[in-house]
Amino acid sequence: MFQSDYILRVIEQFGTVLRKMLASLREARPEEALELSEQAIGIALDMDPELALSLDAESLIFLIGMGGNPDPVRLLMLAEALAIRFEALRDSGNLEAAEREKDRVLVIAERAMQGAPSERLTETLSFLGGLYALGGTGAVS
């Protein structure tokens, strides 16, 4: 019961920040979206976002799994936050950093898809798709 409540709270917090990030992008405020992305990453990973942002994709995957199999839903949440961060970096004209972020997103998302049980993956993708339907900008291009 407590674990379920905690997971729902994390998803709710993450969703709220994600919606704010998407709104910032729609309103041409990429700097705000970048700040919010740090908050989303901190929620998704339950760790210092500055540390997370200093790591490459493989290191993040290892850290999330603590050397074992990482939670694919947590990986998908991270990939979504980083995908929006990519868009914010691109929109702010920081193309080099955007390209690095895009590469990190693709590696993390691919790993998440490999390890996710199909029903859990479907639920997460549906949740994330719903966020975009509420005013998102789309997926990583």
Protein backbone atom coordinates (compact mmCIF):
# COMPACT_ATOMS: atom_id res chain seq x y z
CA MET A 1 0.00 0.00 0.00
CA PHE A 2 2.68 2.51 0.99
CA GLN A 3 4.86 1.59 -1.98
CA SER A 4 1.90 2.01 -4.34
CA ASP A 5 1.08 5.42 -2.84
CA TYR A 6 4.71 6.48 -3.20
CA ILE A 7 4.85 5.39 -6.85
CA LEU A 8 1.60 7.22 -7.64
CA ARG A 9 2.93 10.37 -5.92
CA VAL A 10 6.16 10.21 -7.94
CA ILE A 11 4.25 9.77 -11.20
CA GLU A 12 1.92 12.65 -10.32
CA GLN A 13 4.82 14.97 -9.43
CA PHE A 14 6.69 13.96 -12.56
CA GLY A 15 3.62 14.53 -14.73
CA THR A 16 3.03 17.97 -13.26
CA VAL A 17 6.61 19.05 -13.97
CA LEU A 18 6.48 17.51 -17.45
CA ARG A 19 3.34 19.48 -18.30
CA LYS A 20 5.03 22.68 -17.11
CA MET A 21 8.07 21.87 -19.26
CA LEU A 22 5.88 21.36 -22.32
CA ALA A 23 4.01 24.59 -21.64
CA SER A 24 7.31 26.44 -21.38
CA LEU A 25 8.38 25.10 -24.76
CA ARG A 26 5.05 26.02 -26.36
CA GLU A 27 5.38 29.54 -24.95
CA ALA A 28 8.94 29.87 -26.28
CA ARG A 29 10.61 29.82 -22.86
CA PRO A 30 13.30 27.18 -23.33
CA GLU A 31 15.37 28.41 -20.37
CA GLU A 32 12.44 27.72 -18.05
CA ALA A 33 11.98 24.29 -19.62
CA LEU A 34 15.66 23.55 -18.95
CA GLU A 35 15.29 24.49 -15.28
CA LEU A 36 12.18 22.36 -14.99
CA SER A 37 13.95 19.45 -16.68
CA GLU A 38 16.36 19.30 -13.77
CA GLN A 39 13.43 19.02 -11.40
CA ALA A 40 11.85 16.26 -13.52
CA ILE A 41 15.12 14.34 -13.68
CA GLY A 42 15.50 14.62 -9.90
CA ILE A 43 11.99 13.22 -9.44
CA ALA A 44 12.46 10.41 -11.97
CA LEU A 45 15.75 9.28 -10.45
CA ASP A 46 15.34 10.36 -6.83
CA MET A 47 18.81 11.86 -6.95
CA ASP A 48 20.64 15.12 -7.51
CA PRO A 49 19.83 16.18 -11.09
CA GLU A 50 23.20 17.90 -11.52
CA LEU A 51 24.92 14.59 -10.89
CA ALA A 52 22.57 12.82 -13.30
CA LEU A 53 23.18 15.41 -16.02
CA SER A 54 26.93 14.96 -15.68
CA LEU A 55 26.69 11.25 -16.55
CA ASP A 56 26.53 9.60 -19.95
CA ALA A 57 23.64 7.32 -20.90
CA GLU A 58 25.35 4.06 -19.97
CA SER A 59 26.39 5.40 -16.56
CA LEU A 60 22.83 6.55 -15.88
CA ILE A 61 21.45 3.16 -16.87
CA PHE A 62 23.97 1.42 -14.60
CA LEU A 63 23.18 3.78 -11.72
CA ILE A 64 19.41 3.30 -12.08
CA GLY A 65 19.88 -0.46 -12.01
CA MET A 66 22.63 -0.38 -9.40
CA GLY A 67 24.51 -2.86 -11.56
CA GLY A 68 21.45 -5.06 -12.13
CA ASN A 69 18.45 -4.59 -14.36
CA PRO A 70 17.22 -0.98 -14.29
CA ASP A 71 13.51 -0.27 -13.94
CA PRO A 72 12.31 0.34 -17.51
CA VAL A 73 9.57 2.73 -16.36
CA ARG A 74 12.13 4.87 -14.56
CA LEU A 75 14.26 4.78 -17.71
CA LEU A 76 11.26 5.88 -19.79
CA MET A 77 10.54 8.75 -17.40
CA LEU A 78 14.17 9.83 -17.65
CA ALA A 79 14.11 9.55 -21.44
CA GLU A 80 10.99 11.70 -21.63
CA ALA A 81 12.48 14.42 -19.42
CA LEU A 82 15.70 14.35 -21.44
CA ALA A 83 13.75 14.45 -24.72
CA ILE A 84 12.03 17.65 -23.66
CA ARG A 85 15.39 18.95 -22.44
CA PHE A 86 16.74 18.22 -25.94
CA GLU A 87 13.95 20.32 -27.46
CA ALA A 88 14.65 23.16 -25.01
CA LEU A 89 18.37 23.11 -25.80
CA ARG A 90 17.62 23.09 -29.52
CA ASP A 91 15.10 25.92 -29.18
CA SER A 92 17.58 28.00 -27.19
CA GLY A 93 20.16 27.64 -29.97
CA ASN A 94 22.51 25.35 -28.07
CA LEU A 95 22.69 22.84 -30.91
CA GLU A 96 25.82 21.02 -29.78
CA ALA A 97 24.40 20.29 -26.32
CA ALA A 98 21.05 19.40 -27.92
CA GLU A 99 22.71 16.80 -30.12
CA ARG A 100 24.49 15.24 -27.12
CA GLU A 101 21.19 15.15 -25.25
CA LYS A 102 19.43 13.53 -28.20
CA ASP A 103 22.07 10.79 -28.30
CA ARG A 104 21.60 10.16 -24.57
CA VAL A 105 17.80 10.01 -24.97
CA LEU A 106 18.02 7.44 -27.74
CA VAL A 107 20.31 5.11 -25.78
CA ILE A 108 18.18 5.31 -22.62
CA ALA A 109 14.87 4.90 -24.46
CA GLU A 110 16.18 1.90 -26.40
CA ARG A 111 17.34 0.23 -23.19
CA ALA A 112 13.99 0.92 -21.53
CA MET A 113 12.13 -0.69 -24.42
CA GLN A 114 14.29 -3.83 -24.17
CA GLY A 115 13.61 -4.44 -20.52
CA ALA A 116 10.02 -3.36 -20.07
CA PRO A 117 7.29 -5.91 -19.52
CA SER A 118 4.83 -5.20 -22.32
CA GLU A 119 1.87 -4.22 -20.13
CA ARG A 120 3.95 -1.91 -17.96
CA LEU A 121 5.58 -0.38 -21.02
CA THR A 122 2.18 0.13 -22.62
CA GLU A 123 0.86 1.83 -19.49
CA THR A 124 3.86 4.13 -19.28
CA LEU A 125 3.80 5.02 -22.96
CA SER A 126 0.06 5.68 -22.68
CA PHE A 127 0.69 7.96 -19.69
CA LEU A 128 3.46 9.83 -21.49
CA GLY A 129 1.37 10.04 -24.67
CA GLY A 130 -1.46 11.52 -22.62
CA LEU A 131 0.86 14.27 -21.45
CA TYR A 132 1.62 15.18 -25.03
CA ALA A 133 -2.09 15.09 -25.86
CA LEU A 134 -2.62 17.68 -23.15
CA GLY A 135 -0.45 20.11 -25.02
CA GLY A 136 2.90 18.54 -25.69
CA THR A 137 5.21 19.38 -28.49
CA GLY A 138 5.84 15.88 -29.79
CA ALA A 139 8.56 13.32 -29.55
CA VAL A 140 12.24 13.69 -30.17
CA SER A 141 12.90 14.38 -33.80
